C-alpha atoms as a PDB file:
ATOM      1  CA  MET A   1      25.156 -50.022 -48.497  1.00  0.00           C
ATOM      2  CA  ALA A   2      28.835 -50.380 -50.219  1.00  0.00           C
ATOM      3  CA  PRO A   3      31.155 -52.865 -48.879  1.00  0.00           C
ATOM      4  CA  ARG A   4      34.217 -51.846 -46.770  1.00  0.00           C
ATOM      5  CA  ALA A   5      37.068 -50.505 -49.084  1.00  0.00           C
ATOM      6  CA  VAL A   6      39.467 -53.296 -47.641  1.00  0.00           C
ATOM      7  CA  ILE A   7      40.242 -57.283 -48.647  1.00  0.00           C
ATOM      8  CA  PHE A   8      40.971 -59.210 -45.575  1.00  0.00           C
ATOM      9  CA  GLY A   9      42.959 -62.365 -45.289  1.00  0.00           C
ATOM     10  CA  CYS A  10      42.140 -64.999 -42.608  1.00  0.00           C
ATOM     11  CA  GLN A  11      44.248 -67.444 -40.298  1.00  0.00           C
ATOM     12  CA  GLY A  12      43.908 -71.128 -41.553  1.00  0.00           C
ATOM     13  CA  THR A  13      41.981 -73.255 -43.316  1.00  0.00           C
ATOM     14  CA  GLU A  14      38.626 -72.877 -41.180  1.00  0.00           C
ATOM     15  CA  LEU A  15      36.881 -69.397 -40.696  1.00  0.00           C
ATOM     16  CA  THR A  16      37.101 -69.103 -36.176  1.00  0.00           C
ATOM     17  CA  PRO A  17      34.049 -67.630 -34.891  1.00  0.00           C
ATOM     18  CA  TRP A  18      35.400 -64.295 -34.464  1.00  0.00           C
ATOM     19  CA  GLU A  19      36.688 -64.420 -37.715  1.00  0.00           C
ATOM     20  CA  ALA A  20      33.037 -64.765 -39.177  1.00  0.00           C
ATOM     21  CA  GLU A  21      31.520 -62.545 -36.453  1.00  0.00           C
ATOM     22  CA  PHE A  22      34.147 -59.784 -37.867  1.00  0.00           C
ATOM     23  CA  LEU A  23      33.785 -60.092 -41.076  1.00  0.00           C
ATOM     24  CA  ALA A  24      29.998 -60.054 -40.964  1.00  0.00           C
ATOM     25  CA  ALA A  25      30.077 -57.002 -39.191  1.00  0.00           C
ATOM     26  CA  THR A  26      32.184 -54.879 -40.826  1.00  0.00           C
ATOM     27  CA  ASN A  27      31.295 -56.256 -44.732  1.00  0.00           C
ATOM     28  CA  PRO A  28      34.979 -55.994 -46.277  1.00  0.00           C
ATOM     29  CA  LEU A  29      34.798 -55.660 -50.300  1.00  0.00           C
ATOM     30  CA  GLY A  30      36.996 -59.155 -50.586  1.00  0.00           C
ATOM     31  CA  PHE A  31      39.285 -61.745 -49.539  1.00  0.00           C
ATOM     32  CA  ILE A  32      42.744 -63.341 -50.009  1.00  0.00           C
ATOM     33  CA  LEU A  33      44.178 -66.641 -49.316  1.00  0.00           C
ATOM     34  CA  PHE A  34      47.418 -67.561 -48.854  1.00  0.00           C
ATOM     35  CA  ALA A  35      49.405 -71.153 -48.419  1.00  0.00           C
ATOM     36  CA  ARG A  36      48.325 -71.338 -44.599  1.00  0.00           C
ATOM     37  CA  ASN A  37      44.058 -71.168 -46.219  1.00  0.00           C
ATOM     38  CA  CYS A  38      45.185 -74.044 -48.690  1.00  0.00           C
ATOM     39  CA  ALA A  39      44.763 -78.027 -47.968  1.00  0.00           C
ATOM     40  CA  THR A  40      42.541 -79.791 -50.801  1.00  0.00           C
ATOM     41  CA  PRO A  41      40.441 -78.350 -52.977  1.00  0.00           C
ATOM     42  CA  ASP A  42      37.403 -79.417 -51.522  1.00  0.00           C
ATOM     43  CA  GLN A  43      38.333 -77.878 -48.126  1.00  0.00           C
ATOM     44  CA  VAL A  44      39.493 -73.957 -50.092  1.00  0.00           C
ATOM     45  CA  THR A  45      36.082 -74.430 -52.140  1.00  0.00           C
ATOM     46  CA  ALA A  46      34.662 -74.583 -48.417  1.00  0.00           C
ATOM     47  CA  LEU A  47      36.436 -71.605 -46.906  1.00  0.00           C
ATOM     48  CA  VAL A  48      35.905 -69.689 -50.095  1.00  0.00           C
ATOM     49  CA  ALA A  49      31.917 -70.299 -49.894  1.00  0.00           C
ATOM     50  CA  ALA A  50      32.076 -69.391 -45.687  1.00  0.00           C
ATOM     51  CA  LEU A  51      34.225 -66.666 -46.727  1.00  0.00           C
ATOM     52  CA  ARG A  52      31.351 -65.029 -48.996  1.00  0.00           C
ATOM     53  CA  GLU A  53      28.185 -65.936 -46.883  1.00  0.00           C
ATOM     54  CA  THR A  54      29.991 -63.931 -44.167  1.00  0.00           C
ATOM     55  CA  VAL A  55      29.121 -60.740 -46.161  1.00  0.00           C
ATOM     56  CA  GLY A  56      25.907 -62.197 -47.647  1.00  0.00           C
ATOM     57  CA  ARG A  57      27.544 -61.859 -50.978  1.00  0.00           C
ATOM     58  CA  PRO A  58      28.328 -64.475 -53.522  1.00  0.00           C
ATOM     59  CA  ASP A  59      30.001 -62.558 -56.083  1.00  0.00           C
ATOM     60  CA  ALA A  60      32.799 -60.737 -53.308  1.00  0.00           C
ATOM     61  CA  PRO A  61      35.935 -61.037 -55.247  1.00  0.00           C
ATOM     62  CA  VAL A  62      38.584 -63.789 -53.594  1.00  0.00           C
ATOM     63  CA  LEU A  63      42.067 -63.325 -54.612  1.00  0.00           C
ATOM     64  CA  ILE A  64      45.089 -65.270 -54.657  1.00  0.00           C
ATOM     65  CA  ASP A  65      48.842 -64.906 -55.727  1.00  0.00           C
ATOM     66  CA  GLN A  66      49.281 -67.927 -57.462  1.00  0.00           C
ATOM     67  CA  GLU A  67      52.522 -66.660 -59.885  1.00  0.00           C
ATOM     68  CA  GLY A  68      54.142 -69.983 -60.401  1.00  0.00           C
ATOM     69  CA  GLY A  69      57.494 -70.442 -59.129  1.00  0.00           C
ATOM     70  CA  ARG A  70      58.222 -68.852 -55.610  1.00  0.00           C
ATOM     71  CA  VAL A  71      55.368 -67.721 -55.293  1.00  0.00           C
ATOM     72  CA  GLN A  72      52.817 -70.408 -55.438  1.00  0.00           C
ATOM     73  CA  ARG A  73      49.728 -70.680 -52.639  1.00  0.00           C
ATOM     74  CA  LEU A  74      48.241 -73.723 -53.804  1.00  0.00           C
ATOM     75  CA  LYS A  75      50.962 -76.087 -54.386  1.00  0.00           C
ATOM     76  CA  PRO A  76      51.626 -79.868 -55.065  1.00  0.00           C
ATOM     77  CA  PRO A  77      50.858 -82.622 -54.845  1.00  0.00           C
ATOM     78  CA  GLU A  78      47.016 -81.168 -55.039  1.00  0.00           C
ATOM     79  CA  TRP A  79      48.196 -78.756 -57.604  1.00  0.00           C
ATOM     80  CA  ARG A  80      50.437 -78.586 -59.959  1.00  0.00           C
ATOM     81  CA  ALA A  81      53.886 -76.943 -59.661  1.00  0.00           C
ATOM     82  CA  THR A  82      53.611 -74.000 -62.452  1.00  0.00           C
ATOM     83  CA  PRO A  83      56.683 -72.231 -63.674  1.00  0.00           C
ATOM     84  CA  PRO A  84      58.344 -69.252 -62.480  1.00  0.00           C
ATOM     85  CA  PRO A  85      57.500 -66.372 -65.028  1.00  0.00           C
ATOM     86  CA  GLY A  86      61.474 -65.853 -65.550  1.00  0.00           C
ATOM     87  CA  ARG A  87      61.394 -68.875 -67.206  1.00  0.00           C
ATOM     88  CA  PHE A  88      58.831 -67.641 -70.282  1.00  0.00           C
ATOM     89  CA  GLY A  89      61.127 -64.307 -70.438  1.00  0.00           C
ATOM     90  CA  ASP A  90      63.860 -66.755 -71.335  1.00  0.00           C
ATOM     91  CA  LEU A  91      62.425 -67.852 -73.976  1.00  0.00           C
ATOM     92  CA  ALA A  92      61.435 -65.229 -75.428  1.00  0.00           C
ATOM     93  CA  LEU A  93      64.992 -63.911 -76.153  1.00  0.00           C
ATOM     94  CA  THR A  94      65.361 -66.397 -78.549  1.00  0.00           C
ATOM     95  CA  ASP A  95      61.458 -67.083 -79.440  1.00  0.00           C
ATOM     96  CA  ARG A  96      58.990 -64.510 -78.566  1.00  0.00           C
ATOM     97  CA  PRO A  97      56.098 -66.093 -80.564  1.00  0.00           C
ATOM     98  CA  ARG A  98      56.309 -69.794 -78.532  1.00  0.00           C
ATOM     99  CA  ALA A  99      56.999 -67.607 -75.167  1.00  0.00           C
ATOM    100  CA  LEU A 100      54.045 -65.760 -75.735  1.00  0.00           C
ATOM    101  CA  GLU A 101      52.113 -68.915 -76.281  1.00  0.00           C
ATOM    102  CA  ALA A 102      53.199 -70.676 -72.958  1.00  0.00           C
ATOM    103  CA  VAL A 103      52.836 -67.848 -70.925  1.00  0.00           C
ATOM    104  CA  ARG A 104      48.906 -67.901 -72.318  1.00  0.00           C
ATOM    105  CA  LEU A 105      48.665 -71.669 -72.085  1.00  0.00           C
ATOM    106  CA  ASN A 106      50.510 -71.445 -68.575  1.00  0.00           C
ATOM    107  CA  ALA A 107      47.689 -68.728 -67.676  1.00  0.00           C
ATOM    108  CA  GLU A 108      45.046 -70.526 -68.874  1.00  0.00           C
ATOM    109  CA  CYS A 109      46.214 -73.537 -66.815  1.00  0.00           C
ATOM    110  CA  LEU A 110      46.152 -71.161 -63.746  1.00  0.00           C
ATOM    111  CA  ALA A 111      42.752 -70.113 -63.957  1.00  0.00           C
ATOM    112  CA  ALA A 112      41.747 -73.525 -64.718  1.00  0.00           C
ATOM    113  CA  GLU A 113      42.440 -74.429 -61.162  1.00  0.00           C
ATOM    114  CA  LEU A 114      41.454 -71.260 -59.696  1.00  0.00           C
ATOM    115  CA  ALA A 115      38.094 -71.319 -60.917  1.00  0.00           C
ATOM    116  CA  PRO A 116      36.403 -74.038 -59.817  1.00  0.00           C
ATOM    117  CA  LEU A 117      37.937 -73.143 -56.388  1.00  0.00           C
ATOM    118  CA  GLY A 118      35.453 -70.152 -56.397  1.00  0.00           C
ATOM    119  CA  ILE A 119      38.607 -67.697 -56.630  1.00  0.00           C
ATOM    120  CA  THR A 120      38.135 -65.132 -59.341  1.00  0.00           C
ATOM    121  CA  VAL A 121      40.975 -62.721 -59.101  1.00  0.00           C
ATOM    122  CA  ASN A 122      44.513 -63.952 -59.145  1.00  0.00           C
ATOM    123  CA  CYS A 123      47.576 -61.094 -58.326  1.00  0.00           C
ATOM    124  CA  LEU A 124      49.372 -61.832 -61.835  1.00  0.00           C
ATOM    125  CA  PRO A 125      50.960 -60.965 -63.498  1.00  0.00           C
ATOM    126  CA  LEU A 126      54.269 -59.170 -62.166  1.00  0.00           C
ATOM    127  CA  LEU A 127      55.582 -56.125 -65.017  1.00  0.00           C
ATOM    128  CA  ASP A 128      58.309 -55.542 -63.083  1.00  0.00           C
ATOM    129  CA  LEU A 129      61.624 -55.245 -64.430  1.00  0.00           C
ATOM    130  CA  ARG A 130      64.202 -57.995 -63.669  1.00  0.00           C
ATOM    131  CA  LEU A 131      67.408 -55.677 -63.198  1.00  0.00           C
ATOM    132  CA  PRO A 132      71.255 -56.487 -62.688  1.00  0.00           C
ATOM    133  CA  GLY A 133      71.439 -55.367 -58.991  1.00  0.00           C
ATOM    134  CA  ALA A 134      68.204 -55.001 -57.516  1.00  0.00           C
ATOM    135  CA  HIS A 135      67.017 -56.889 -54.383  1.00  0.00           C
ATOM    136  CA  GLU A 136      66.299 -60.905 -56.091  1.00  0.00           C
ATOM    137  CA  ILE A 137      62.469 -60.255 -54.036  1.00  0.00           C
ATOM    138  CA  ILE A 138      61.702 -59.823 -58.136  1.00  0.00           C
ATOM    139  CA  GLY A 139      63.985 -62.149 -59.688  1.00  0.00           C
ATOM    140  CA  ASP A 140      62.516 -64.800 -61.638  1.00  0.00           C
ATOM    141  CA  ARG A 141      58.969 -63.653 -60.742  1.00  0.00           C
ATOM    142  CA  GLY A 142      59.939 -61.029 -63.505  1.00  0.00           C
ATOM    143  CA  PHE A 143      59.878 -61.786 -67.200  1.00  0.00           C
ATOM    144  CA  GLY A 144      62.817 -59.566 -67.555  1.00  0.00           C
ATOM    145  CA  ALA A 145      64.329 -56.091 -68.231  1.00  0.00           C
ATOM    146  CA  ASP A 146      63.067 -55.328 -71.378  1.00  0.00           C
ATOM    147  CA  PRO A 147      60.000 -53.166 -70.989  1.00  0.00           C
ATOM    148  CA  ASP A 148      58.132 -54.104 -74.634  1.00  0.00           C
ATOM    149  CA  LEU A 149      59.317 -58.018 -73.993  1.00  0.00           C
ATOM    150  CA  VAL A 150      57.190 -57.408 -70.451  1.00  0.00           C
ATOM    151  CA  ALA A 151      54.465 -55.980 -71.318  1.00  0.00           C
ATOM    152  CA  ALA A 152      54.047 -58.583 -74.625  1.00  0.00           C
ATOM    153  CA  LEU A 153      54.332 -61.228 -71.890  1.00  0.00           C
ATOM    154  CA  GLY A 154      52.566 -59.249 -69.042  1.00  0.00           C
ATOM    155  CA  ARG A 155      49.318 -58.785 -71.548  1.00  0.00           C
ATOM    156  CA  ALA A 156      49.653 -62.646 -73.125  1.00  0.00           C
ATOM    157  CA  CYS A 157      49.225 -63.750 -69.348  1.00  0.00           C
ATOM    158  CA  CYS A 158      46.378 -61.543 -68.426  1.00  0.00           C
ATOM    159  CA  GLU A 159      44.275 -62.391 -71.781  1.00  0.00           C
ATOM    160  CA  GLY A 160      45.002 -66.154 -70.743  1.00  0.00           C
ATOM    161  CA  LEU A 161      43.595 -65.278 -67.595  1.00  0.00           C
ATOM    162  CA  LEU A 162      40.706 -63.361 -68.547  1.00  0.00           C
ATOM    163  CA  ALA A 163      39.431 -66.171 -71.128  1.00  0.00           C
ATOM    164  CA  GLY A 164      39.586 -68.796 -68.364  1.00  0.00           C
ATOM    165  CA  GLY A 165      37.132 -66.278 -66.177  1.00  0.00           C
ATOM    166  CA  ILE A 166      39.869 -65.232 -63.755  1.00  0.00           C
ATOM    167  CA  LEU A 167      40.771 -61.217 -63.278  1.00  0.00           C
ATOM    168  CA  PRO A 168      44.715 -60.566 -63.221  1.00  0.00           C
ATOM    169  CA  VAL A 169      45.991 -57.800 -61.155  1.00  0.00           C
ATOM    170  CA  ILE A 170      48.943 -55.973 -62.811  1.00  0.00           C
ATOM    171  CA  LYS A 171      51.814 -55.589 -60.309  1.00  0.00           C
ATOM    172  CA  HIS A 172      53.850 -53.444 -58.533  1.00  0.00           C
ATOM    173  CA  MET A 173      52.634 -50.328 -60.020  1.00  0.00           C
ATOM    174  CA  PRO A 174      54.371 -48.319 -61.209  1.00  0.00           C
ATOM    175  CA  GLY A 175      57.540 -50.854 -60.614  1.00  0.00           C
ATOM    176  CA  HIS A 176      59.316 -52.545 -58.084  1.00  0.00           C
ATOM    177  CA  GLY A 177      62.032 -54.001 -60.253  1.00  0.00           C
ATOM    178  CA  ARG A 178      64.369 -51.308 -59.444  1.00  0.00           C
ATOM    179  CA  ALA A 179      64.396 -51.807 -55.492  1.00  0.00           C
ATOM    180  CA  ALA A 180      67.408 -52.584 -53.900  1.00  0.00           C
ATOM    181  CA  VAL A 181      66.008 -53.913 -51.028  1.00  0.00           C
ATOM    182  CA  ASP A 182      62.853 -55.602 -50.071  1.00  0.00           C
ATOM    183  CA  SER A 183      59.988 -54.038 -49.303  1.00  0.00           C
ATOM    184  CA  HIS A 184      58.111 -56.501 -47.390  1.00  0.00           C
ATOM    185  CA  ALA A 185      61.284 -55.633 -44.693  1.00  0.00           C
ATOM    186  CA  GLU A 186      62.165 -52.142 -45.487  1.00  0.00           C
ATOM    187  CA  LEU A 187      61.543 -49.154 -47.511  1.00  0.00           C
ATOM    188  CA  PRO A 188      63.053 -48.943 -51.189  1.00  0.00           C
ATOM    189  CA  ARG A 189      63.980 -45.744 -52.531  1.00  0.00           C
ATOM    190  CA  VAL A 190      64.113 -45.659 -56.376  1.00  0.00           C
ATOM    191  CA  GLU A 191      67.057 -42.398 -57.096  1.00  0.00           C
ATOM    192  CA  ALA A 192      66.491 -42.807 -61.300  1.00  0.00           C
ATOM    193  CA  GLY A 193      65.428 -39.479 -62.906  1.00  0.00           C
ATOM    194  CA  LEU A 194      61.825 -39.130 -64.489  1.00  0.00           C
ATOM    195  CA  ALA A 195      62.515 -40.288 -67.644  1.00  0.00           C
ATOM    196  CA  ALA A 196      64.682 -42.897 -67.342  1.00  0.00           C
ATOM    197  CA  LEU A 197      61.954 -44.016 -65.029  1.00  0.00           C
ATOM    198  CA  GLU A 198      58.964 -43.398 -67.843  1.00  0.00           C
ATOM    199  CA  ALA A 199      61.250 -45.124 -70.517  1.00  0.00           C
ATOM    200  CA  SER A 200      62.011 -48.440 -68.339  1.00  0.00           C
ATOM    201  CA  ASP A 201      59.714 -48.957 -65.057  1.00  0.00           C
ATOM    202  CA  PHE A 202      56.760 -47.376 -65.289  1.00  0.00           C
ATOM    203  CA  ALA A 203      56.406 -48.466 -69.463  1.00  0.00           C
ATOM    204  CA  PRO A 204      54.950 -52.151 -69.344  1.00  0.00           C
ATOM    205  CA  PHE A 205      52.318 -50.718 -67.005  1.00  0.00           C
ATOM    206  CA  ARG A 206      51.204 -48.035 -69.275  1.00  0.00           C
ATOM    207  CA  ALA A 207      51.179 -50.837 -72.161  1.00  0.00           C
ATOM    208  CA  LEU A 208      48.493 -52.711 -70.097  1.00  0.00           C
ATOM    209  CA  SER A 209      46.906 -49.606 -68.820  1.00  0.00           C
ATOM    210  CA  ASP A 210      43.824 -51.047 -69.571  1.00  0.00           C
ATOM    211  CA  MET A 211      43.906 -54.121 -67.372  1.00  0.00           C
ATOM    212  CA  PRO A 212      40.952 -54.316 -64.714  1.00  0.00           C
ATOM    213  CA  TRP A 213      43.200 -54.494 -61.382  1.00  0.00           C
ATOM    214  CA  ALA A 214      46.078 -53.345 -60.293  1.00  0.00           C
ATOM    215  CA  MET A 215      48.670 -53.364 -57.088  1.00  0.00           C
ATOM    216  CA  THR A 216      50.580 -50.387 -55.937  1.00  0.00           C
ATOM    217  CA  GLY A 217      54.287 -51.194 -54.853  1.00  0.00           C
ATOM    218  CA  HIS A 218      55.435 -49.463 -51.416  1.00  0.00           C
ATOM    219  CA  VAL A 219      58.635 -47.938 -53.117  1.00  0.00           C
ATOM    220  CA  VAL A 220      59.791 -44.220 -52.700  1.00  0.00           C
ATOM    221  CA  TYR A 221      60.569 -42.598 -56.335  1.00  0.00           C
ATOM    222  CA  GLU A 222      62.588 -40.219 -55.559  1.00  0.00           C
ATOM    223  CA  ALA A 223      62.097 -38.237 -58.925  1.00  0.00           C
ATOM    224  CA  VAL A 224      58.010 -38.218 -58.386  1.00  0.00           C
ATOM    225  CA  ASP A 225      57.622 -37.682 -54.160  1.00  0.00           C
ATOM    226  CA  PRO A 226      61.037 -38.258 -52.203  1.00  0.00           C
ATOM    227  CA  ARG A 227      59.014 -38.769 -48.807  1.00  0.00           C
ATOM    228  CA  ARG A 228      56.034 -40.795 -49.655  1.00  0.00           C
ATOM    229  CA  PRO A 229      56.014 -44.490 -51.166  1.00  0.00           C
ATOM    230  CA  ALA A 230      53.860 -44.685 -54.120  1.00  0.00           C
ATOM    231  CA  THR A 231      50.884 -46.449 -51.917  1.00  0.00           C
ATOM    232  CA  ILE A 232      50.446 -43.490 -49.551  1.00  0.00           C
ATOM    233  CA  SER A 233      51.640 -40.585 -51.964  1.00  0.00           C
ATOM    234  CA  PRO A 234      48.724 -38.950 -54.044  1.00  0.00           C
ATOM    235  CA  THR A 235      51.180 -37.503 -56.134  1.00  0.00           C
ATOM    236  CA  VAL A 236      52.633 -40.683 -57.609  1.00  0.00           C
ATOM    237  CA  ILE A 237      49.219 -42.102 -57.836  1.00  0.00           C
ATOM    238  CA  ASP A 238      47.211 -38.894 -59.474  1.00  0.00           C
ATOM    239  CA  GLN A 239      50.267 -38.006 -61.507  1.00  0.00           C
ATOM    240  CA  VAL A 240      51.885 -41.014 -62.689  1.00  0.00           C
ATOM    241  CA  ILE A 241      49.467 -44.194 -62.158  1.00  0.00           C
ATOM    242  CA  ARG A 242      46.323 -42.388 -62.666  1.00  0.00           C
ATOM    243  CA  GLY A 243      48.168 -39.958 -64.873  1.00  0.00           C
ATOM    244  CA  TRP A 244      51.644 -40.894 -66.986  1.00  0.00           C
ATOM    245  CA  ILE A 245      50.325 -44.109 -67.025  1.00  0.00           C
ATOM    246  CA  GLY A 246      46.515 -43.478 -67.492  1.00  0.00           C
ATOM    247  CA  PHE A 247      44.983 -46.673 -65.375  1.00  0.00           C
ATOM    248  CA  ASP A 248      41.776 -46.122 -64.461  1.00  0.00           C
ATOM    249  CA  GLY A 249      40.591 -49.604 -63.136  1.00  0.00           C
ATOM    250  CA  ILE A 250      40.881 -50.853 -59.616  1.00  0.00           C
ATOM    251  CA  LEU A 251      43.916 -49.924 -57.842  1.00  0.00           C
ATOM    252  CA  VAL A 252      44.646 -52.497 -54.359  1.00  0.00           C
ATOM    253  CA  SER A 253      47.382 -51.464 -52.260  1.00  0.00           C
ATOM    254  CA  ASP A 254      50.205 -54.156 -51.525  1.00  0.00           C
ATOM    255  CA  ASP A 255      50.218 -55.902 -47.875  1.00  0.00           C
ATOM    256  CA  LEU A 256      49.614 -52.814 -45.754  1.00  0.00           C
ATOM    257  CA  SER A 257      51.478 -54.925 -42.865  1.00  0.00           C
ATOM    258  CA  MET A 258      54.305 -54.943 -44.725  1.00  0.00           C
ATOM    259  CA  ALA A 259      57.366 -53.096 -43.064  1.00  0.00           C
ATOM    260  CA  ALA A 260      58.286 -50.749 -45.557  1.00  0.00           C
ATOM    261  CA  LEU A 261      55.365 -48.629 -44.101  1.00  0.00           C
ATOM    262  CA  ASP A 262      55.907 -46.603 -41.099  1.00  0.00           C
ATOM    263  CA  GLY A 263      52.682 -46.221 -38.303  1.00  0.00           C
ATOM    264  CA  ASP A 264      50.290 -48.288 -36.894  1.00  0.00           C
ATOM    265  CA  LEU A 265      47.670 -50.381 -39.347  1.00  0.00           C
ATOM    266  CA  GLY A 266      44.880 -47.199 -38.801  1.00  0.00           C
ATOM    267  CA  ALA A 267      47.222 -44.868 -40.309  1.00  0.00           C
ATOM    268  CA  ARG A 268      48.250 -46.536 -43.134  1.00  0.00           C
ATOM    269  CA  THR A 269      45.043 -47.690 -43.992  1.00  0.00           C
ATOM    270  CA  ALA A 270      43.553 -44.296 -44.204  1.00  0.00           C
ATOM    271  CA  ALA A 271      46.888 -42.816 -45.988  1.00  0.00           C
ATOM    272  CA  ALA A 272      46.456 -45.277 -48.836  1.00  0.00           C
ATOM    273  CA  LEU A 273      42.671 -44.802 -49.306  1.00  0.00           C
ATOM    274  CA  ALA A 274      43.465 -40.833 -48.972  1.00  0.00           C
ATOM    275  CA  ALA A 275      46.094 -41.312 -51.804  1.00  0.00           C
ATOM    276  CA  GLY A 276      43.798 -42.490 -54.410  1.00  0.00           C
ATOM    277  CA  CYS A 277      43.791 -46.653 -53.839  1.00  0.00           C
ATOM    278  CA  ASP A 278      40.531 -47.550 -54.368  1.00  0.00           C
ATOM    279  CA  ILE A 279      40.920 -50.636 -51.920  1.00  0.00           C
ATOM    280  CA  ALA A 280      43.320 -51.485 -48.808  1.00  0.00           C
ATOM    281  CA  LEU A 281      44.778 -54.601 -48.573  1.00  0.00           C
ATOM    282  CA  HIS A 282      45.401 -56.602 -45.360  1.00  0.00           C
ATOM    283  CA  CYS A 283      46.729 -60.245 -45.319  1.00  0.00           C
ATOM    284  CA  ASN A 284      47.759 -61.677 -42.307  1.00  0.00           C
ATOM    285  CA  GLY A 285      44.829 -62.250 -40.090  1.00  0.00           C
ATOM    286  CA  GLN A 286      46.117 -60.915 -37.088  1.00  0.00           C
ATOM    287  CA  ARG A 287      43.279 -59.363 -34.867  1.00  0.00           C
ATOM    288  CA  ALA A 288      44.475 -56.391 -33.501  1.00  0.00           C
ATOM    289  CA  GLU A 289      45.335 -55.185 -36.908  1.00  0.00           C
ATOM    290  CA  MET A 290      42.740 -56.034 -38.768  1.00  0.00           C
ATOM    291  CA  GLU A 291      40.856 -54.148 -36.016  1.00  0.00           C
ATOM    292  CA  ALA A 292      42.320 -51.500 -36.779  1.00  0.00           C
ATOM    293  CA  VAL A 293      41.991 -51.551 -40.539  1.00  0.00           C
ATOM    294  CA  ALA A 294      38.337 -51.502 -40.642  1.00  0.00           C
ATOM    295  CA  ALA A 295      38.308 -48.939 -38.563  1.00  0.00           C
ATOM    296  CA  ALA A 296      39.809 -46.499 -40.750  1.00  0.00           C
ATOM    297  CA  ALA A 297      38.405 -48.140 -43.975  1.00  0.00           C
ATOM    298  CA  GLY A 298      35.011 -46.610 -45.022  1.00  0.00           C
ATOM    299  CA  PRO A 299      32.668 -48.074 -47.661  1.00  0.00           C
ATOM    300  CA  LEU A 300      34.291 -48.585 -51.246  1.00  0.00           C
ATOM    301  CA  SER A 301      33.963 -45.070 -53.321  1.00  0.00           C
ATOM    302  CA  ALA A 302      31.373 -44.682 -56.026  1.00  0.00           C
ATOM    303  CA  GLN A 303      34.237 -44.422 -58.097  1.00  0.00           C
ATOM    304  CA  GLY A 304      35.875 -48.018 -56.665  1.00  0.00           C
ATOM    305  CA  MET A 305      32.039 -49.243 -57.709  1.00  0.00           C
ATOM    306  CA  ARG A 306      32.093 -47.997 -61.070  1.00  0.00           C
ATOM    307  CA  ARG A 307      35.564 -49.670 -61.687  1.00  0.00           C
ATOM    308  CA  LEU A 308      34.950 -52.747 -60.089  1.00  0.00           C
ATOM    309  CA  ALA A 309      31.925 -53.082 -62.290  1.00  0.00           C
ATOM    310  CA  ASP A 310      33.967 -52.390 -65.222  1.00  0.00           C
ATOM    311  CA  ALA A 311      36.180 -55.215 -64.269  1.00  0.00           C
ATOM    312  CA  ASP A 312      33.840 -57.786 -64.019  1.00  0.00           C
ATOM    313  CA  THR A 313      32.844 -57.279 -67.237  1.00  0.00           C
ATOM    314  CA  ARG A 314      35.529 -58.085 -68.706  1.00  0.00           C
ATOM    315  CA  ILE A 315      34.855 -62.154 -67.950  1.00  0.00           C
ATOM    316  CA  GLY A 316      32.374 -64.348 -68.863  1.00  0.00           C
ATOM    317  CA  PRO A 317      31.921 -68.024 -67.447  1.00  0.00           C
ATOM    318  CA  PRO A 318      35.237 -69.961 -67.282  1.00  0.00           C
ATOM    319  CA  PRO A 319      35.036 -72.150 -69.472  1.00  0.00           C
ATOM    320  CA  ARG A 320      35.466 -76.261 -69.130  1.00  0.00           C
ATOM    321  CA  ALA A 321      39.230 -76.232 -69.925  1.00  0.00           C
ATOM    322  CA  GLU A 322      40.981 -79.465 -69.932  1.00  0.00           C
ATOM    323  CA  THR A 323      43.970 -78.677 -67.331  1.00  0.00           C
ATOM    324  CA  ALA A 324      46.388 -81.158 -68.308  1.00  0.00           C
ATOM    325  CA  ALA A 325      46.222 -80.683 -71.925  1.00  0.00           C
ATOM    326  CA  LEU A 326      47.233 -76.942 -71.255  1.00  0.00           C
ATOM    327  CA  ALA A 327      50.186 -77.815 -68.768  1.00  0.00           C
ATOM    328  CA  THR A 328      51.449 -80.764 -71.474  1.00  0.00           C
ATOM    329  CA  ARG A 329      51.081 -77.828 -74.231  1.00  0.00           C
ATOM    330  CA  ARG A 330      53.128 -75.540 -72.219  1.00  0.00           C
ATOM    331  CA  ASP A 331      55.714 -77.926 -70.568  1.00  0.00           C
ATOM    332  CA  ALA A 332      56.489 -79.047 -74.594  1.00  0.00           C
ATOM    333  CA  LEU A 333      57.509 -75.648 -75.298  1.00  0.00           C
ATOM    334  CA  LEU A 334      59.576 -75.053 -72.122  1.00  0.00           C
ATOM    335  CA  ALA A 335      61.537 -78.168 -72.780  1.00  0.00           C
ATOM    336  CA  ASP A 336      64.616 -76.738 -73.645  1.00  0.00           C
ATOM    337  CA  VAL A 337      64.471 -73.498 -71.580  1.00  0.00           C
END
């Protein structure tokens, strides 16, 4: 039977008896880790193995947001500090070839740290534009304001992750950069016209539409669907994400517990999956919410299973990369930025 179309987080560094029982009973597609779950390499490796054991699938996807800068779940001193994506964008303004090399090296370095832990998917890169006047929730998490530059750096990042045996997730489709508020706290509404969005916000995602995974944004695009944010909008997903952008990979929602969305967690889950997301994402590990999400999420669709299998063909066994050497070369390229 297909796994349930959901990815769950958990509360701590070890599974509780309830979590182990719940995950075994609900059979989610995969899992996501946060800083609260990551203490040491040995502990993370054991937790990843325990999560997969609950569902009996050694290849169950395990996700993390290891972006660098402000968003780094694996933290020093156990893991290396990683520059924010904005530093690579700043370098690209004066030396694009050097920046592209640095981005790829950085992604290979991240992959070399993730793969030995059993983590298989990194929610990176952001293709959201870094626009003046927008909320700083993107800020230096984004590469820059130029769609072509963002697409080029995003592709280099994806190529580095894939070369290291890690699947990238382009986010937040079809573009969070213009949002004036943080979707963790409230619902952003974007008033720009469709032509402007296609020329800017949506363009990097179209350029990287061949990538294996993508994550939606909880953002209303009034020119496309004035009532519903992308995550729960059949119009945005069909006409923009699957249509104009041309993305045919795995589409996972952003975290359904974020305050941008209305309704209980069951309703949010049902709406995201009905709109066209392949997978619902729930991150906070809260029992009542997880039970509601599981109740509303059915098995991964046949189309979702096909997309998942296609994604897995993109990577082979991770190479034995020397992380220190990769980081040293990356840092040399960024030395004067």
